[in-house]
Protein backbone atom coordinates (compact mmCIF):
# COMPACT_ATOMS: atom_id res chain seq x y z
CA MET A 1 236.71 194.97 19.95
CA LYS A 2 237.90 195.25 16.38
CA THR A 3 238.56 192.22 14.24
CA LEU A 4 241.17 192.17 11.56
CA LYS A 5 240.02 191.06 8.15
CA LEU A 6 242.61 189.53 5.85
CA ASN A 7 242.56 189.78 2.11
CA LYS A 8 242.18 186.51 0.23
CA SER A 9 245.81 186.75 -0.93
CA GLN A 10 247.03 186.90 2.70
CA GLN A 11 245.04 184.00 4.19
CA GLY A 12 247.53 181.13 3.62
CA TYR A 13 250.65 183.14 4.27
CA ASN A 14 251.17 182.03 7.90
CA LEU A 15 251.15 178.34 6.98
CA VAL A 16 253.61 178.89 4.13
CA SER A 17 256.00 180.88 6.35
CA VAL A 18 255.92 178.18 9.04
CA GLY A 19 256.63 175.54 6.38
CA ILE A 20 259.57 177.52 5.03
CA ALA A 21 260.95 178.03 8.54
CA ILE A 22 260.74 174.28 9.24
CA LEU A 23 262.45 173.53 5.93
CA VAL A 24 265.29 175.95 6.73
CA VAL A 25 265.77 174.43 10.21
CA LEU A 26 265.83 170.89 8.78
CA LEU A 27 268.33 171.90 6.13
CA LEU A 28 270.61 173.60 8.65
CA SER A 29 270.46 170.64 11.02
CA ALA A 30 271.20 168.16 8.22
CA LEU A 31 274.28 170.15 7.29
CA GLY A 32 275.29 171.21 10.79
CA ILE A 33 274.97 168.06 12.93
CA PRO A 34 277.85 166.13 11.29
CA LYS A 35 280.08 169.20 11.56
CA PHE A 36 279.05 169.67 15.19
CA LYS A 37 279.94 166.02 15.93
CA ALA A 38 283.35 166.57 14.33
CA TYR A 39 283.95 169.61 16.56
CA LEU A 40 283.05 167.56 19.65
CA VAL A 41 285.48 164.81 18.65
CA GLN A 42 288.26 167.31 17.93
CA GLY A 43 287.68 168.87 21.34
CA ALA A 44 287.93 165.46 23.02
CA VAL A 45 291.31 164.58 21.46
CA THR A 46 293.37 166.65 23.91
CA PRO A 47 291.90 165.26 27.17
CA VAL A 48 292.04 161.67 25.85
CA ALA A 49 295.66 162.15 24.73
CA GLU A 50 296.62 163.73 28.06
CA GLU A 51 295.14 160.81 30.00
CA THR A 52 296.88 158.33 27.71
CA GLN A 53 300.20 160.17 28.16
CA ARG A 54 299.73 160.12 31.93
CA PHE A 55 299.16 156.35 31.88
CA ILE A 56 302.15 155.69 29.60
CA SER A 57 304.43 157.87 31.76
CA MET A 58 303.28 156.15 34.94
CA VAL A 59 303.97 152.70 33.48
CA LYS A 60 307.37 153.70 32.08
CA VAL A 61 308.51 155.24 35.37
CA SER A 62 307.28 152.37 37.53
CA SER A 63 308.88 149.80 35.19
CA GLN A 64 312.39 151.33 35.15
CA GLY A 65 315.06 148.78 36.02
CA SER A 66 312.73 145.79 35.62
CA GLY A 67 314.95 143.89 33.20
CA THR A 68 314.16 142.84 29.65
CA THR A 69 310.43 142.35 30.20
CA PRO A 70 309.37 145.36 32.26
CA TYR A 71 305.78 145.28 31.03
CA ALA A 72 305.02 141.65 31.84
CA GLY A 73 301.90 141.49 33.95
CA LEU A 74 300.19 144.59 32.55
CA THR A 75 296.50 143.85 32.04
CA GLN A 76 293.45 145.55 30.62
CA ALA A 77 292.02 145.62 34.15
CA PHE A 78 295.07 147.51 35.43
CA PHE A 79 294.72 149.95 32.54
CA ALA A 80 291.00 150.43 33.29
CA ARG A 81 291.63 151.07 37.00
CA SER A 82 294.40 153.54 36.14
CA VAL A 83 292.23 155.65 33.80
CA LYS A 84 288.94 155.39 35.67
CA ASN A 85 287.23 158.77 36.32
CA SER A 86 289.12 160.44 33.48
CA ALA A 87 288.54 161.43 29.86
CA LEU A 88 288.55 157.72 28.98
CA GLU A 89 285.28 155.99 29.85
CA VAL A 90 285.60 152.75 31.79
CA GLY A 91 282.89 150.11 31.64
CA ALA A 92 281.97 147.81 34.50
CA VAL A 93 285.06 146.74 36.43
CA SER A 94 283.53 143.43 37.46
CA GLY A 95 286.11 141.43 35.50
CA GLN A 96 289.12 143.00 37.19
CA GLY A 97 291.01 139.75 37.62
CA SER A 98 290.47 138.52 34.06
CA GLY A 99 291.23 141.82 32.37
CA ALA A 100 287.89 141.80 30.51
CA VAL A 101 287.16 145.48 31.06
CA ASP A 102 286.02 147.90 28.36
CA VAL A 103 287.68 151.29 28.08
CA ARG A 104 286.06 153.64 25.57
CA HIS A 105 287.88 156.61 24.06
CA GLY A 106 284.87 158.77 23.06
CA LEU A 107 286.51 159.76 19.77
CA GLY A 108 283.88 158.08 17.61
CA GLY A 109 282.69 154.55 17.09
CA GLY A 110 280.11 154.61 19.91
CA ASP A 111 280.41 151.47 22.04
CA ASN A 112 282.90 150.03 19.52
CA GLY A 113 285.30 152.93 20.11
CA THR A 114 287.52 151.11 22.58
CA VAL A 115 291.09 151.23 23.85
CA THR A 116 292.77 147.86 24.39
CA LEU A 117 296.09 147.19 26.10
CA ALA A 118 298.33 144.35 24.92
CA THR A 119 301.83 143.41 26.06
CA THR A 120 304.72 141.22 24.93
CA GLY A 121 306.63 141.83 28.15
CA ALA A 122 309.32 143.95 26.47
CA THR A 123 306.73 146.26 24.87
CA PHE A 124 303.12 147.22 25.36
CA SER A 125 300.61 148.73 23.00
CA LEU A 126 297.37 150.64 23.20
CA THR A 127 294.94 150.06 20.33
CA PHE A 128 292.30 152.73 19.72
CA ALA A 129 289.58 151.09 17.60
CA ASP A 130 286.98 152.90 15.48
CA VAL A 131 288.32 156.44 15.82
CA SER A 132 286.59 159.23 13.88
CA ASP A 133 288.40 160.90 11.02
CA ALA A 134 287.91 164.16 12.96
CA ALA A 135 290.54 162.89 15.45
CA CYS A 136 292.98 161.96 12.71
CA PRO A 137 295.89 162.68 12.74
CA GLY A 138 295.48 164.84 15.89
CA LEU A 139 295.54 161.86 18.26
CA ALA A 140 298.69 160.45 16.68
CA ALA A 141 300.35 163.87 16.53
CA THR A 142 299.69 164.44 20.22
CA LEU A 143 301.03 161.02 21.29
CA GLN A 144 303.96 160.74 18.86
CA ARG A 145 306.57 162.09 21.30
CA ILE A 146 305.82 159.61 24.09
CA THR A 147 305.32 156.50 21.93
CA ASP A 148 307.90 154.48 20.01
CA GLY A 149 305.67 153.15 17.26
CA ILE A 150 302.43 154.28 15.65
CA THR A 151 300.32 152.49 13.06
CA ILE A 152 297.17 153.89 11.51
CA ASN A 153 294.89 151.38 9.82
CA GLY A 154 297.73 148.85 9.66
CA THR A 155 300.35 151.19 8.15
CA ALA A 156 303.35 152.26 10.25
CA VAL A 157 303.71 156.04 10.48
CA LYS A 158 306.40 156.00 13.19
CA VAL A 159 308.91 153.23 13.90
CA THR A 160 311.61 153.05 16.58
CA ASP A 161 314.02 150.10 16.54
CA ALA A 162 315.29 148.03 19.48
CA ASN A 163 318.15 150.51 20.03
CA ASN A 164 315.63 153.36 20.44
CA ILE A 165 316.58 154.89 17.09
CA VAL A 166 313.68 156.32 15.10
CA THR A 167 313.79 154.64 11.68
CA THR A 168 310.51 156.10 10.40
CA ALA A 169 309.82 159.60 11.69
CA PHE A 170 306.27 160.75 12.32
CA ILE A 171 305.06 163.17 9.63
CA PRO A 172 301.53 164.57 10.19
CA GLY A 173 300.71 164.72 6.46
CA THR A 174 301.68 161.08 5.97
CA ALA A 175 299.63 160.11 9.01
CA ALA A 176 296.60 162.05 7.74
CA ALA A 177 296.83 160.22 4.40
CA ARG A 178 296.42 156.89 6.23
CA CYS A 179 293.07 157.95 7.73
CA VAL A 180 289.72 157.07 6.17
CA ASP A 181 286.36 158.81 6.41
CA GLY A 182 283.98 157.99 9.24
CA ASP A 183 284.55 156.15 12.52
CA ASN A 184 286.72 153.51 10.83
CA ASN A 185 290.27 154.35 11.89
CA ASP A 186 292.37 152.09 14.09
CA PHE A 187 295.47 153.44 15.85
CA VAL A 188 298.09 151.28 17.56
CA PHE A 189 300.58 153.05 19.83
CA THR A 190 303.57 150.92 20.87
CA ILE A 191 305.85 151.64 23.80
CA ASN A 192 309.27 149.91 23.98
CA ARG A 193 311.21 149.32 27.17
CA SER A 194 313.35 152.26 28.22
């Protein structure tokens, strides 16, 4: 059996090439992982928006002809049961009666990325907390036709008055300007009575 003899100049080459390969992989992962996360969030916007639209449509249709407070009695527990086994992640449903049920949107924010339902009786709103900038303004743009009011980080980007007249029209560029970097965006979608 023949043995291969290496010149002195070739002896450390394998270690150097492995080190360079590791450095390249680390550099690519440092640059690529945040971009990959953004692509995942962008891909999740459509299913989350579709599920939200389905819920809003169901509530609007079932509340038709219910007087001036058609949304009285809506709870977080009802919302959680309605969107369970969908693109929205529902936590433990043990608190069904109290309405203390977590619904997570999966658009950033980890466990803090929640969707919360609130109602005044005449209106109801869905608040998406800690949404990634990768979902902004895509989430608002997708839901703007079915909702009557949209605020992003406390600033109204769509307003519909009590007579169902749009007083502030949704403009994607204006909505995008209200978004901030990271998982720090809060969206509030308001639905008026029909």
